[in-house]
């Protein structure tokens, strides 16, 4: 994967979060590399429901 993304909305707001490696998303993808670690116990991959989804949720709750 080149990036992980999550989009969602409420009746009042809409938002989109994208996580990628800004240096080179093609050379350093988001799967199978240390760059995909966003927490302890890194699974080696990231999907939209992971860090992007958590960021979206925290933004809309606060």
N, C-alpha and C. Protein backbone atom coordinates (compact mmCIF):
# COMPACT_ATOMS: atom_id res chain seq x y z
N UNK A 1 0.84 -1.19 0.00
CA UNK A 1 0.00 0.00 0.00
C UNK A 1 0.87 1.24 0.00
N UNK A 2 0.45 2.25 -0.73
CA UNK A 2 1.19 3.51 -0.74
C UNK A 2 0.74 4.44 0.37
N UNK A 3 -0.49 4.28 0.84
CA UNK A 3 -1.02 5.13 1.90
C UNK A 3 -2.20 4.42 2.56
N UNK A 4 -2.59 4.92 3.72
CA UNK A 4 -3.79 4.44 4.41
C UNK A 4 -4.68 5.65 4.63
N UNK A 5 -5.99 5.49 4.41
CA UNK A 5 -6.89 6.64 4.50
C UNK A 5 -8.21 6.23 5.13
N UNK A 6 -8.88 7.23 5.70
CA UNK A 6 -10.20 7.03 6.29
C UNK A 6 -11.00 8.31 6.08
N UNK A 7 -12.21 8.17 5.62
CA UNK A 7 -13.12 9.31 5.46
C UNK A 7 -14.43 9.01 6.15
N UNK A 8 -15.04 10.03 6.68
CA UNK A 8 -16.32 9.85 7.36
C UNK A 8 -17.05 11.17 7.52
N UNK A 9 -18.26 11.08 8.02
CA UNK A 9 -19.06 12.29 8.19
C UNK A 9 -20.06 12.12 9.32
N UNK A 10 -20.53 13.23 9.81
CA UNK A 10 -21.64 13.30 10.75
C UNK A 10 -22.66 14.23 10.09
N UNK A 11 -23.81 14.44 10.69
CA UNK A 11 -24.76 15.37 10.08
C UNK A 11 -24.20 16.80 9.93
N UNK A 12 -23.19 17.16 10.74
CA UNK A 12 -22.67 18.52 10.70
C UNK A 12 -21.28 18.67 10.07
N UNK A 13 -20.48 17.60 10.06
CA UNK A 13 -19.09 17.71 9.60
C UNK A 13 -18.71 16.53 8.72
N UNK A 14 -17.75 16.76 7.83
CA UNK A 14 -17.15 15.70 7.03
C UNK A 14 -15.64 15.82 7.15
N UNK A 15 -14.95 14.69 7.10
CA UNK A 15 -13.50 14.74 7.22
C UNK A 15 -12.83 13.56 6.55
N UNK A 16 -11.55 13.74 6.23
CA UNK A 16 -10.76 12.72 5.56
C UNK A 16 -9.34 12.77 6.13
N UNK A 17 -8.78 11.60 6.47
CA UNK A 17 -7.43 11.52 7.01
C UNK A 17 -6.63 10.57 6.12
N UNK A 18 -5.44 10.98 5.74
CA UNK A 18 -4.55 10.15 4.93
C UNK A 18 -3.19 10.09 5.60
N UNK A 19 -2.61 8.88 5.69
CA UNK A 19 -1.28 8.69 6.28
C UNK A 19 -0.39 8.06 5.22
N UNK A 20 0.77 8.67 4.99
CA UNK A 20 1.70 8.15 4.00
C UNK A 20 3.10 8.63 4.34
N UNK A 21 4.08 8.08 3.69
CA UNK A 21 5.47 8.51 3.89
C UNK A 21 5.73 9.67 2.94
N UNK A 22 5.91 10.89 3.46
CA UNK A 22 6.06 12.05 2.59
C UNK A 22 7.37 12.08 1.81
N UNK A 23 8.37 11.32 2.25
CA UNK A 23 9.65 11.32 1.54
C UNK A 23 9.55 10.60 0.20
N UNK A 24 8.88 9.45 0.19
CA UNK A 24 8.73 8.68 -1.04
C UNK A 24 7.70 7.58 -0.80
N UNK A 25 6.42 7.85 -1.04
CA UNK A 25 5.39 6.86 -0.76
C UNK A 25 5.48 5.61 -1.62
N UNK A 26 6.18 5.67 -2.75
CA UNK A 26 6.32 4.49 -3.60
C UNK A 26 7.48 3.62 -3.14
N UNK A 27 8.62 4.25 -2.85
CA UNK A 27 9.80 3.51 -2.40
C UNK A 27 9.63 2.99 -0.97
N UNK A 28 8.89 3.72 -0.14
CA UNK A 28 8.67 3.33 1.25
C UNK A 28 7.17 3.18 1.50
N UNK A 29 6.58 2.09 1.06
CA UNK A 29 5.13 1.92 1.21
C UNK A 29 4.73 1.69 2.67
N UNK A 30 3.44 1.57 2.90
CA UNK A 30 2.90 1.45 4.25
C UNK A 30 2.74 0.01 4.73
N UNK A 31 3.23 -0.97 3.99
CA UNK A 31 3.06 -2.36 4.41
C UNK A 31 4.41 -3.07 4.43
N UNK A 32 4.66 -3.81 5.52
CA UNK A 32 5.86 -4.62 5.62
C UNK A 32 7.13 -3.85 5.90
N UNK A 33 7.01 -2.60 6.33
CA UNK A 33 8.19 -1.81 6.64
C UNK A 33 8.05 -1.18 8.01
N UNK A 34 9.15 -0.82 8.66
CA UNK A 34 9.06 -0.14 9.95
C UNK A 34 8.27 1.16 9.88
N UNK A 35 8.20 1.78 8.71
CA UNK A 35 7.46 3.03 8.56
C UNK A 35 5.97 2.89 8.78
N UNK A 36 5.48 1.65 8.75
CA UNK A 36 4.05 1.45 8.97
C UNK A 36 3.71 1.31 10.45
N UNK A 37 4.71 1.37 11.33
CA UNK A 37 4.47 1.25 12.77
C UNK A 37 3.92 2.56 13.31
N UNK A 38 2.82 2.48 14.01
CA UNK A 38 2.23 3.67 14.61
C UNK A 38 1.92 3.44 16.08
N UNK A 39 2.28 2.27 16.61
CA UNK A 39 2.04 1.96 18.02
C UNK A 39 2.99 0.84 18.43
N UNK A 40 3.08 0.58 19.74
CA UNK A 40 3.89 -0.54 20.22
C UNK A 40 3.30 -1.84 19.71
N UNK A 41 4.11 -2.83 19.52
CA UNK A 41 3.62 -4.10 18.99
C UNK A 41 3.23 -3.96 17.53
N UNK A 42 4.05 -3.29 16.77
CA UNK A 42 3.77 -2.97 15.36
C UNK A 42 3.41 -4.22 14.56
N UNK A 43 2.24 -4.20 13.90
CA UNK A 43 1.85 -5.35 13.08
C UNK A 43 2.55 -5.39 11.72
N UNK A 44 3.26 -4.32 11.32
CA UNK A 44 3.94 -4.28 10.04
C UNK A 44 3.07 -3.85 8.89
N UNK A 45 1.85 -3.44 9.19
CA UNK A 45 0.97 -2.91 8.14
C UNK A 45 0.01 -1.92 8.76
N UNK A 46 -0.56 -1.08 7.93
CA UNK A 46 -1.52 -0.09 8.41
C UNK A 46 -2.66 -0.02 7.41
N UNK A 47 -3.88 0.06 7.95
CA UNK A 47 -5.07 0.17 7.12
C UNK A 47 -5.87 1.38 7.58
N UNK A 48 -6.88 1.75 6.83
CA UNK A 48 -7.67 2.94 7.13
C UNK A 48 -8.29 2.97 8.52
N UNK A 49 -8.67 1.80 9.03
CA UNK A 49 -9.29 1.75 10.35
C UNK A 49 -8.27 1.87 11.48
N UNK A 50 -6.98 1.84 11.17
CA UNK A 50 -5.95 1.96 12.19
C UNK A 50 -5.70 3.43 12.50
N UNK A 51 -4.49 3.92 12.30
CA UNK A 51 -4.14 5.30 12.65
C UNK A 51 -5.04 6.35 11.98
N UNK A 52 -5.36 6.24 10.68
CA UNK A 52 -6.25 7.25 10.09
C UNK A 52 -7.64 7.27 10.75
N UNK A 53 -8.19 6.10 11.00
CA UNK A 53 -9.51 6.03 11.65
C UNK A 53 -9.49 6.57 13.06
N UNK A 54 -8.43 6.26 13.80
CA UNK A 54 -8.30 6.76 15.17
C UNK A 54 -8.14 8.27 15.19
N UNK A 55 -7.38 8.81 14.22
CA UNK A 55 -7.21 10.26 14.12
C UNK A 55 -8.54 10.93 13.80
N UNK A 56 -9.28 10.38 12.86
CA UNK A 56 -10.59 10.92 12.49
C UNK A 56 -11.52 10.92 13.71
N UNK A 57 -11.56 9.80 14.44
CA UNK A 57 -12.43 9.68 15.61
C UNK A 57 -12.06 10.71 16.67
N UNK A 58 -10.77 10.84 16.98
CA UNK A 58 -10.35 11.80 18.01
C UNK A 58 -10.69 13.23 17.59
N UNK A 59 -10.52 13.55 16.33
CA UNK A 59 -10.84 14.89 15.83
C UNK A 59 -12.32 15.20 16.00
N UNK A 60 -13.18 14.26 15.67
CA UNK A 60 -14.61 14.51 15.74
C UNK A 60 -15.15 14.46 17.17
N UNK A 61 -14.44 13.77 18.08
CA UNK A 61 -14.88 13.73 19.48
C UNK A 61 -14.44 14.97 20.25
N UNK A 62 -13.42 15.65 19.78
CA UNK A 62 -12.88 16.80 20.51
C UNK A 62 -13.04 18.02 19.68
